[in-house]
């Protein structure tokens, strides 16, 4: 934070560097807190749905082999 509010000689270069560092840290924090957990949730949900569909197809195949509808 002090880099972004710097004053004096070389302050322009420090402000640019401070602003980019703060922006990068905020972006990385948001990704780590919101995006990654959301992706894990969606992947788990899709995997669970896929396993559920596969189980349903297996039982229907067994029913067909035994003469059931």
PDB file of N, CA and C in Angstrom:
ATOM      1  N   UNK A   1       0.816  -1.195   0.000  1.00  0.00           N
ATOM      2  CA  UNK A   1       0.000   0.000   0.000  1.00  0.00           C
ATOM      3  C   UNK A   1       0.861   1.260   0.000  1.00  0.00           C
ATOM      4  N   UNK A   2       1.935   1.321   0.768  1.00  0.00           N
ATOM      5  CA  UNK A   2       2.753   2.537   0.743  1.00  0.00           C
ATOM      6  C   UNK A   2       3.304   2.858  -0.643  1.00  0.00           C
ATOM      7  N   UNK A   3       3.557   1.834  -1.465  1.00  0.00           N
ATOM      8  CA  UNK A   3       4.043   2.100  -2.814  1.00  0.00           C
ATOM      9  C   UNK A   3       3.014   2.865  -3.636  1.00  0.00           C
ATOM     10  N   UNK A   4       1.760   2.571  -3.462  1.00  0.00           N
ATOM     11  CA  UNK A   4       0.710   3.205  -4.258  1.00  0.00           C
ATOM     12  C   UNK A   4       0.466   4.649  -3.862  1.00  0.00           C
ATOM     13  N   UNK A   5       0.789   5.019  -2.624  1.00  0.00           N
ATOM     14  CA  UNK A   5       0.563   6.389  -2.165  1.00  0.00           C
ATOM     15  C   UNK A   5       1.874   7.139  -1.949  1.00  0.00           C
ATOM     16  N   UNK A   6       2.931   6.683  -2.591  1.00  0.00           N
ATOM     17  CA  UNK A   6       4.260   7.291  -2.420  1.00  0.00           C
ATOM     18  C   UNK A   6       4.291   8.706  -2.994  1.00  0.00           C
ATOM     19  N   UNK A   7       5.176   9.511  -2.432  1.00  0.00           N
ATOM     20  CA  UNK A   7       5.419  10.855  -2.956  1.00  0.00           C
ATOM     21  C   UNK A   7       6.925  11.107  -2.909  1.00  0.00           C
ATOM     22  N   UNK A   8       7.382  12.093  -3.638  1.00  0.00           N
ATOM     23  CA  UNK A   8       8.810  12.400  -3.657  1.00  0.00           C
ATOM     24  C   UNK A   8       9.430  11.957  -4.971  1.00  0.00           C
ATOM     25  N   UNK A   9      10.760  11.874  -4.945  1.00  0.00           N
ATOM     26  CA  UNK A   9      11.468  11.515  -6.176  1.00  0.00           C
ATOM     27  C   UNK A   9      11.200  10.055  -6.532  1.00  0.00           C
ATOM     28  N   UNK A  10      10.879   9.824  -7.800  1.00  0.00           N
ATOM     29  CA  UNK A  10      10.594   8.466  -8.266  1.00  0.00           C
ATOM     30  C   UNK A  10       9.220   7.967  -7.879  1.00  0.00           C
ATOM     31  N   UNK A  11       8.350   8.869  -7.426  1.00  0.00           N
ATOM     32  CA  UNK A  11       7.024   8.467  -6.948  1.00  0.00           C
ATOM     33  C   UNK A  11       6.151   7.915  -8.069  1.00  0.00           C
ATOM     34  N   UNK A  12       6.326   8.439  -9.264  1.00  0.00           N
ATOM     35  CA  UNK A  12       5.483   7.981 -10.382  1.00  0.00           C
ATOM     36  C   UNK A  12       5.723   6.497 -10.649  1.00  0.00           C
ATOM     37  N   UNK A  13       6.996   6.110 -10.709  1.00  0.00           N
ATOM     38  CA  UNK A  13       7.321   4.702 -10.948  1.00  0.00           C
ATOM     39  C   UNK A  13       6.837   3.822  -9.793  1.00  0.00           C
ATOM     40  N   UNK A  14       6.965   4.317  -8.587  1.00  0.00           N
ATOM     41  CA  UNK A  14       6.517   3.534  -7.422  1.00  0.00           C
ATOM     42  C   UNK A  14       5.007   3.403  -7.393  1.00  0.00           C
ATOM     43  N   UNK A  15       4.283   4.476  -7.769  1.00  0.00           N
ATOM     44  CA  UNK A  15       2.820   4.404  -7.775  1.00  0.00           C
ATOM     45  C   UNK A  15       2.328   3.379  -8.791  1.00  0.00           C
ATOM     46  N   UNK A  16       2.953   3.369  -9.960  1.00  0.00           N
ATOM     47  CA  UNK A  16       2.558   2.398 -10.982  1.00  0.00           C
ATOM     48  C   UNK A  16       2.824   0.980 -10.485  1.00  0.00           C
ATOM     49  N   UNK A  17       3.997   0.776  -9.893  1.00  0.00           N
ATOM     50  CA  UNK A  17       4.332  -0.553  -9.389  1.00  0.00           C
ATOM     51  C   UNK A  17       3.399  -0.938  -8.234  1.00  0.00           C
ATOM     52  N   UNK A  18       3.137  -0.012  -7.333  1.00  0.00           N
ATOM     53  CA  UNK A  18       2.250  -0.302  -6.201  1.00  0.00           C
ATOM     54  C   UNK A  18       0.842  -0.625  -6.640  1.00  0.00           C
ATOM     55  N   UNK A  19       0.340   0.122  -7.625  1.00  0.00           N
ATOM     56  CA  UNK A  19      -1.004  -0.127  -8.127  1.00  0.00           C
ATOM     57  C   UNK A  19      -1.103  -1.499  -8.788  1.00  0.00           C
ATOM     58  N   UNK A  20      -0.107  -1.855  -9.558  1.00  0.00           N
ATOM     59  CA  UNK A  20      -0.153  -3.173 -10.211  1.00  0.00           C
ATOM     60  C   UNK A  20      -0.011  -4.305  -9.202  1.00  0.00           C
ATOM     61  N   UNK A  21       0.799  -4.114  -8.173  1.00  0.00           N
ATOM     62  CA  UNK A  21       0.942  -5.148  -7.142  1.00  0.00           C
ATOM     63  C   UNK A  21      -0.359  -5.316  -6.372  1.00  0.00           C
ATOM     64  N   UNK A  22      -0.978  -4.220  -5.992  1.00  0.00           N
ATOM     65  CA  UNK A  22      -2.245  -4.293  -5.254  1.00  0.00           C
ATOM     66  C   UNK A  22      -3.327  -4.936  -6.124  1.00  0.00           C
ATOM     67  N   UNK A  23      -3.393  -4.549  -7.402  1.00  0.00           N
ATOM     68  CA  UNK A  23      -4.371  -5.150  -8.312  1.00  0.00           C
ATOM     69  C   UNK A  23      -4.156  -6.641  -8.485  1.00  0.00           C
ATOM     70  N   UNK A  24      -2.903  -7.048  -8.609  1.00  0.00           N
ATOM     71  CA  UNK A  24      -2.603  -8.470  -8.744  1.00  0.00           C
ATOM     72  C   UNK A  24      -2.953  -9.264  -7.503  1.00  0.00           C
ATOM     73  N   UNK A  25      -2.673  -8.683  -6.348  1.00  0.00           N
ATOM     74  CA  UNK A  25      -3.007  -9.373  -5.100  1.00  0.00           C
ATOM     75  C   UNK A  25      -4.514  -9.491  -4.908  1.00  0.00           C
ATOM     76  N   UNK A  26      -5.249  -8.440  -5.253  1.00  0.00           N
ATOM     77  CA  UNK A  26      -6.709  -8.506  -5.136  1.00  0.00           C
ATOM     78  C   UNK A  26      -7.297  -9.514  -6.114  1.00  0.00           C
ATOM     79  N   UNK A  27      -6.777  -9.535  -7.323  1.00  0.00           N
ATOM     80  CA  UNK A  27      -7.251 -10.496  -8.318  1.00  0.00           C
ATOM     81  C   UNK A  27      -6.976 -11.928  -7.872  1.00  0.00           C
ATOM     82  N   UNK A  28      -5.761 -12.186  -7.415  1.00  0.00           N
ATOM     83  CA  UNK A  28      -5.404 -13.534  -6.965  1.00  0.00           C
ATOM     84  C   UNK A  28      -6.246 -13.961  -5.766  1.00  0.00           C
ATOM     85  N   UNK A  29      -6.520 -13.022  -4.866  1.00  0.00           N
ATOM     86  CA  UNK A  29      -7.342 -13.333  -3.696  1.00  0.00           C
ATOM     87  C   UNK A  29      -8.769 -13.685  -4.115  1.00  0.00           C
ATOM     88  N   UNK A  30      -9.326 -12.902  -5.021  1.00  0.00           N
ATOM     89  CA  UNK A  30     -10.689 -13.189  -5.488  1.00  0.00           C
ATOM     90  C   UNK A  30     -10.762 -14.534  -6.197  1.00  0.00           C
ATOM     91  N   UNK A  31      -9.771 -14.841  -6.995  1.00  0.00           N
ATOM     92  CA  UNK A  31      -9.744 -16.138  -7.680  1.00  0.00           C
ATOM     93  C   UNK A  31      -9.657 -17.267  -6.658  1.00  0.00           C
ATOM     94  N   UNK A  32      -8.795 -17.102  -5.663  1.00  0.00           N
ATOM     95  CA  UNK A  32      -8.603 -18.159  -4.666  1.00  0.00           C
ATOM     96  C   UNK A  32      -9.831 -18.344  -3.779  1.00  0.00           C
ATOM     97  N   UNK A  33     -10.551 -17.271  -3.506  1.00  0.00           N
ATOM     98  CA  UNK A  33     -11.691 -17.369  -2.588  1.00  0.00           C
ATOM     99  C   UNK A  33     -12.979 -17.760  -3.294  1.00  0.00           C
ATOM    100  N   UNK A  34     -13.187 -17.260  -4.525  1.00  0.00           N
ATOM    101  CA  UNK A  34     -14.467 -17.476  -5.190  1.00  0.00           C
ATOM    102  C   UNK A  34     -14.408 -18.434  -6.378  1.00  0.00           C
ATOM    103  N   UNK A  35     -13.490 -18.226  -7.282  1.00  0.00           N
ATOM    104  CA  UNK A  35     -13.490 -18.968  -8.545  1.00  0.00           C
ATOM    105  C   UNK A  35     -13.095 -20.432  -8.343  1.00  0.00           C
ATOM    106  N   UNK A  36     -12.018 -20.688  -7.643  1.00  0.00           N
ATOM    107  CA  UNK A  36     -11.550 -22.067  -7.460  1.00  0.00           C
ATOM    108  C   UNK A  36     -12.564 -22.923  -6.696  1.00  0.00           C
ATOM    109  N   UNK A  37     -13.122 -22.455  -5.564  1.00  0.00           N
ATOM    110  CA  UNK A  37     -14.151 -23.277  -4.915  1.00  0.00           C
ATOM    111  C   UNK A  37     -15.382 -23.509  -5.797  1.00  0.00           C
ATOM    112  N   UNK A  38     -15.760 -22.506  -6.581  1.00  0.00           N
ATOM    113  CA  UNK A  38     -16.909 -22.681  -7.483  1.00  0.00           C
ATOM    114  C   UNK A  38     -16.606 -23.736  -8.534  1.00  0.00           C
ATOM    115  N   UNK A  39     -15.392 -23.747  -9.053  1.00  0.00           N
ATOM    116  CA  UNK A  39     -15.014 -24.757 -10.041  1.00  0.00           C
ATOM    117  C   UNK A  39     -15.011 -26.162  -9.422  1.00  0.00           C
ATOM    118  N   UNK A  40     -14.505 -26.295  -8.191  1.00  0.00           N
ATOM    119  CA  UNK A  40     -14.533 -27.592  -7.513  1.00  0.00           C
ATOM    120  C   UNK A  40     -15.979 -28.058  -7.332  1.00  0.00           C
ATOM    121  N   UNK A  41     -16.856 -27.144  -6.941  1.00  0.00           N
ATOM    122  CA  UNK A  41     -18.262 -27.492  -6.731  1.00  0.00           C
ATOM    123  C   UNK A  41     -18.900 -27.975  -8.033  1.00  0.00           C
ATOM    124  N   UNK A  42     -18.666 -27.223  -9.111  1.00  0.00           N
ATOM    125  CA  UNK A  42     -19.252 -27.609 -10.396  1.00  0.00           C
ATOM    126  C   UNK A  42     -18.710 -28.945 -10.897  1.00  0.00           C
ATOM    127  N   UNK A  43     -17.415 -29.165 -10.741  1.00  0.00           N
ATOM    128  CA  UNK A  43     -16.827 -30.433 -11.174  1.00  0.00           C
ATOM    129  C   UNK A  43     -17.389 -31.601 -10.364  1.00  0.00           C
ATOM    130  N   UNK A  44     -17.541 -31.405  -9.062  1.00  0.00           N
ATOM    131  CA  UNK A  44     -18.104 -32.459  -8.216  1.00  0.00           C
ATOM    132  C   UNK A  44     -19.548 -32.749  -8.621  1.00  0.00           C
ATOM    133  N   UNK A  45     -20.293 -31.701  -8.896  1.00  0.00           N
ATOM    134  CA  UNK A  45     -21.691 -31.874  -9.293  1.00  0.00           C
ATOM    135  C   UNK A  45     -21.792 -32.612 -10.623  1.00  0.00           C
ATOM    136  N   UNK A  46     -20.955 -32.249 -11.592  1.00  0.00           N
ATOM    137  CA  UNK A  46     -20.965 -32.932 -12.880  1.00  0.00           C
ATOM    138  C   UNK A  46     -20.515 -34.379 -12.753  1.00  0.00           C
ATOM    139  N   UNK A  47     -19.503 -34.639 -11.943  1.00  0.00           N
ATOM    140  CA  UNK A  47     -19.014 -35.998 -11.734  1.00  0.00           C
ATOM    141  C   UNK A  47     -20.088 -36.858 -11.072  1.00  0.00           C
ATOM    142  N   UNK A  48     -20.765 -36.287 -10.076  1.00  0.00           N
ATOM    143  CA  UNK A  48     -21.824 -37.024  -9.382  1.00  0.00           C
ATOM    144  C   UNK A  48     -22.961 -37.343 -10.349  1.00  0.00           C
ATOM    145  N   UNK A  49     -23.320 -36.392 -11.206  1.00  0.00           N
ATOM    146  CA  UNK A  49     -24.392 -36.615 -12.178  1.00  0.00           C
ATOM    147  C   UNK A  49     -23.998 -37.692 -13.175  1.00  0.00           C
ATOM    148  N   UNK A  50     -22.741 -37.665 -13.602  1.00  0.00           N
ATOM    149  CA  UNK A  50     -22.263 -38.655 -14.570  1.00  0.00           C
ATOM    150  C   UNK A  50     -22.276 -40.056 -13.963  1.00  0.00           C
ATOM    151  N   UNK A  51     -21.825 -40.177 -12.701  1.00  0.00           N
ATOM    152  CA  UNK A  51     -21.846 -41.481 -12.039  1.00  0.00           C
ATOM    153  C   UNK A  51     -23.276 -41.978 -11.870  1.00  0.00           C
ATOM    154  N   UNK A  52     -24.189 -41.053 -11.553  1.00  0.00           N
ATOM    155  CA  UNK A  52     -25.587 -41.426 -11.370  1.00  0.00           C
ATOM    156  C   UNK A  52     -26.172 -41.929 -12.687  1.00  0.00           C
ATOM    157  N   UNK A  53     -25.853 -41.256 -13.798  1.00  0.00           N
ATOM    158  CA  UNK A  53     -26.336 -41.698 -15.105  1.00  0.00           C
ATOM    159  C   UNK A  53     -25.765 -43.070 -15.463  1.00  0.00           C
ATOM    160  N   UNK A  54     -24.498 -43.302 -15.179  1.00  0.00           N
ATOM    161  CA  UNK A  54     -23.876 -44.586 -15.505  1.00  0.00           C
ATOM    162  C   UNK A  54     -24.511 -45.705 -14.699  1.00  0.00           C
ATOM    163  N   UNK A  55     -24.815 -45.447 -13.441  1.00  0.00           N
ATOM    164  CA  UNK A  55     -25.462 -46.475 -12.618  1.00  0.00           C
ATOM    165  C   UNK A  55     -26.847 -46.803 -13.158  1.00  0.00           C
ATOM    166  N   UNK A  56     -27.579 -45.796 -13.605  1.00  0.00           N
ATOM    167  CA  UNK A  56     -28.917 -46.021 -14.161  1.00  0.00           C
ATOM    168  C   UNK A  56     -28.866 -46.863 -15.416  1.00  0.00           C
ATOM    169  N   UNK A  57     -27.884 -46.637 -16.265  1.00  0.00           N
ATOM    170  CA  UNK A  57     -27.753 -47.429 -17.486  1.00  0.00           C
ATOM    171  C   UNK A  57     -27.359 -48.866 -17.175  1.00  0.00           C
ATOM    172  N   UNK A  58     -26.527 -49.073 -16.190  1.00  0.00           N
ATOM    173  CA  UNK A  58     -26.109 -50.432 -15.835  1.00  0.00           C
ATOM    174  C   UNK A  58     -27.294 -51.238 -15.328  1.00  0.00           C
ATOM    175  N   UNK A  59     -28.138 -50.637 -14.493  1.00  0.00           N
ATOM    176  CA  UNK A  59     -29.277 -51.387 -13.962  1.00  0.00           C
ATOM    177  C   UNK A  59     -30.289 -51.685 -15.060  1.00  0.00           C
ATOM    178  N   UNK A  60     -30.450 -50.763 -16.025  1.00  0.00           N
ATOM    179  CA  UNK A  60     -31.402 -51.037 -17.099  1.00  0.00           C
ATOM    180  C   UNK A  60     -30.880 -52.154 -18.000  1.00  0.00           C
ATOM    181  N   UNK A  61     -29.581 -52.231 -18.197  1.00  0.00           N
ATOM    182  CA  UNK A  61     -29.015 -53.321 -18.992  1.00  0.00           C
ATOM    183  C   UNK A  61     -29.231 -54.665 -18.305  1.00  0.00           C
ATOM    184  N   UNK A  62     -29.048 -54.690 -17.006  1.00  0.00           N
ATOM    185  CA  UNK A  62     -29.264 -55.937 -16.269  1.00  0.00           C
ATOM    186  C   UNK A  62     -30.727 -56.343 -16.382  1.00  0.00           C
ATOM    187  N   UNK A  63     -31.627 -55.363 -16.291  1.00  0.00           N
ATOM    188  CA  UNK A  63     -33.058 -55.658 -16.423  1.00  0.00           C
ATOM    189  C   UNK A  63     -33.384 -56.228 -17.779  1.00  0.00           C
ATOM    190  N   UNK A  64     -32.768 -55.731 -18.820  1.00  0.00           N
ATOM    191  CA  UNK A  64     -33.002 -56.239 -20.180  1.00  0.00           C
ATOM    192  C   UNK A  64     -32.481 -57.663 -20.307  1.00  0.00           C
ATOM    193  N   UNK A  65     -31.319 -57.949 -19.715  1.00  0.00           N
ATOM    194  CA  UNK A  65     -30.748 -59.280 -19.795  1.00  0.00           C
ATOM    195  C   UNK A  65     -31.610 -60.310 -19.059  1.00  0.00           C
ATOM    196  N   UNK A  66     -32.275 -59.885 -18.003  1.00  0.00           N
ATOM    197  CA  UNK A  66     -33.102 -60.811 -17.232  1.00  0.00           C
ATOM    198  C   UNK A  66     -34.524 -60.885 -17.766  1.00  0.00           C
ATOM    199  N   UNK A  67     -34.837 -60.119 -18.803  1.00  0.00           N
ATOM    200  CA  UNK A  67     -36.179 -60.162 -19.366  1.00  0.00           C
ATOM    201  C   UNK A  67     -37.126 -59.150 -18.779  1.00  0.00           C
ATOM    202  N   UNK A  68     -36.607 -58.230 -17.949  1.00  0.00           N
ATOM    203  CA  UNK A  68     -37.459 -57.188 -17.393  1.00  0.00           C
ATOM    204  C   UNK A  68     -37.431 -55.964 -18.283  1.00  0.00           C
ATOM    205  N   UNK A  69     -38.457 -55.134 -18.191  1.00  0.00           N
ATOM    206  CA  UNK A  69     -38.502 -53.879 -18.952  1.00  0.00           C
ATOM    207  C   UNK A  69     -37.835 -52.778 -18.198  1.00  0.00           C
TER     208      UNK A  69
END
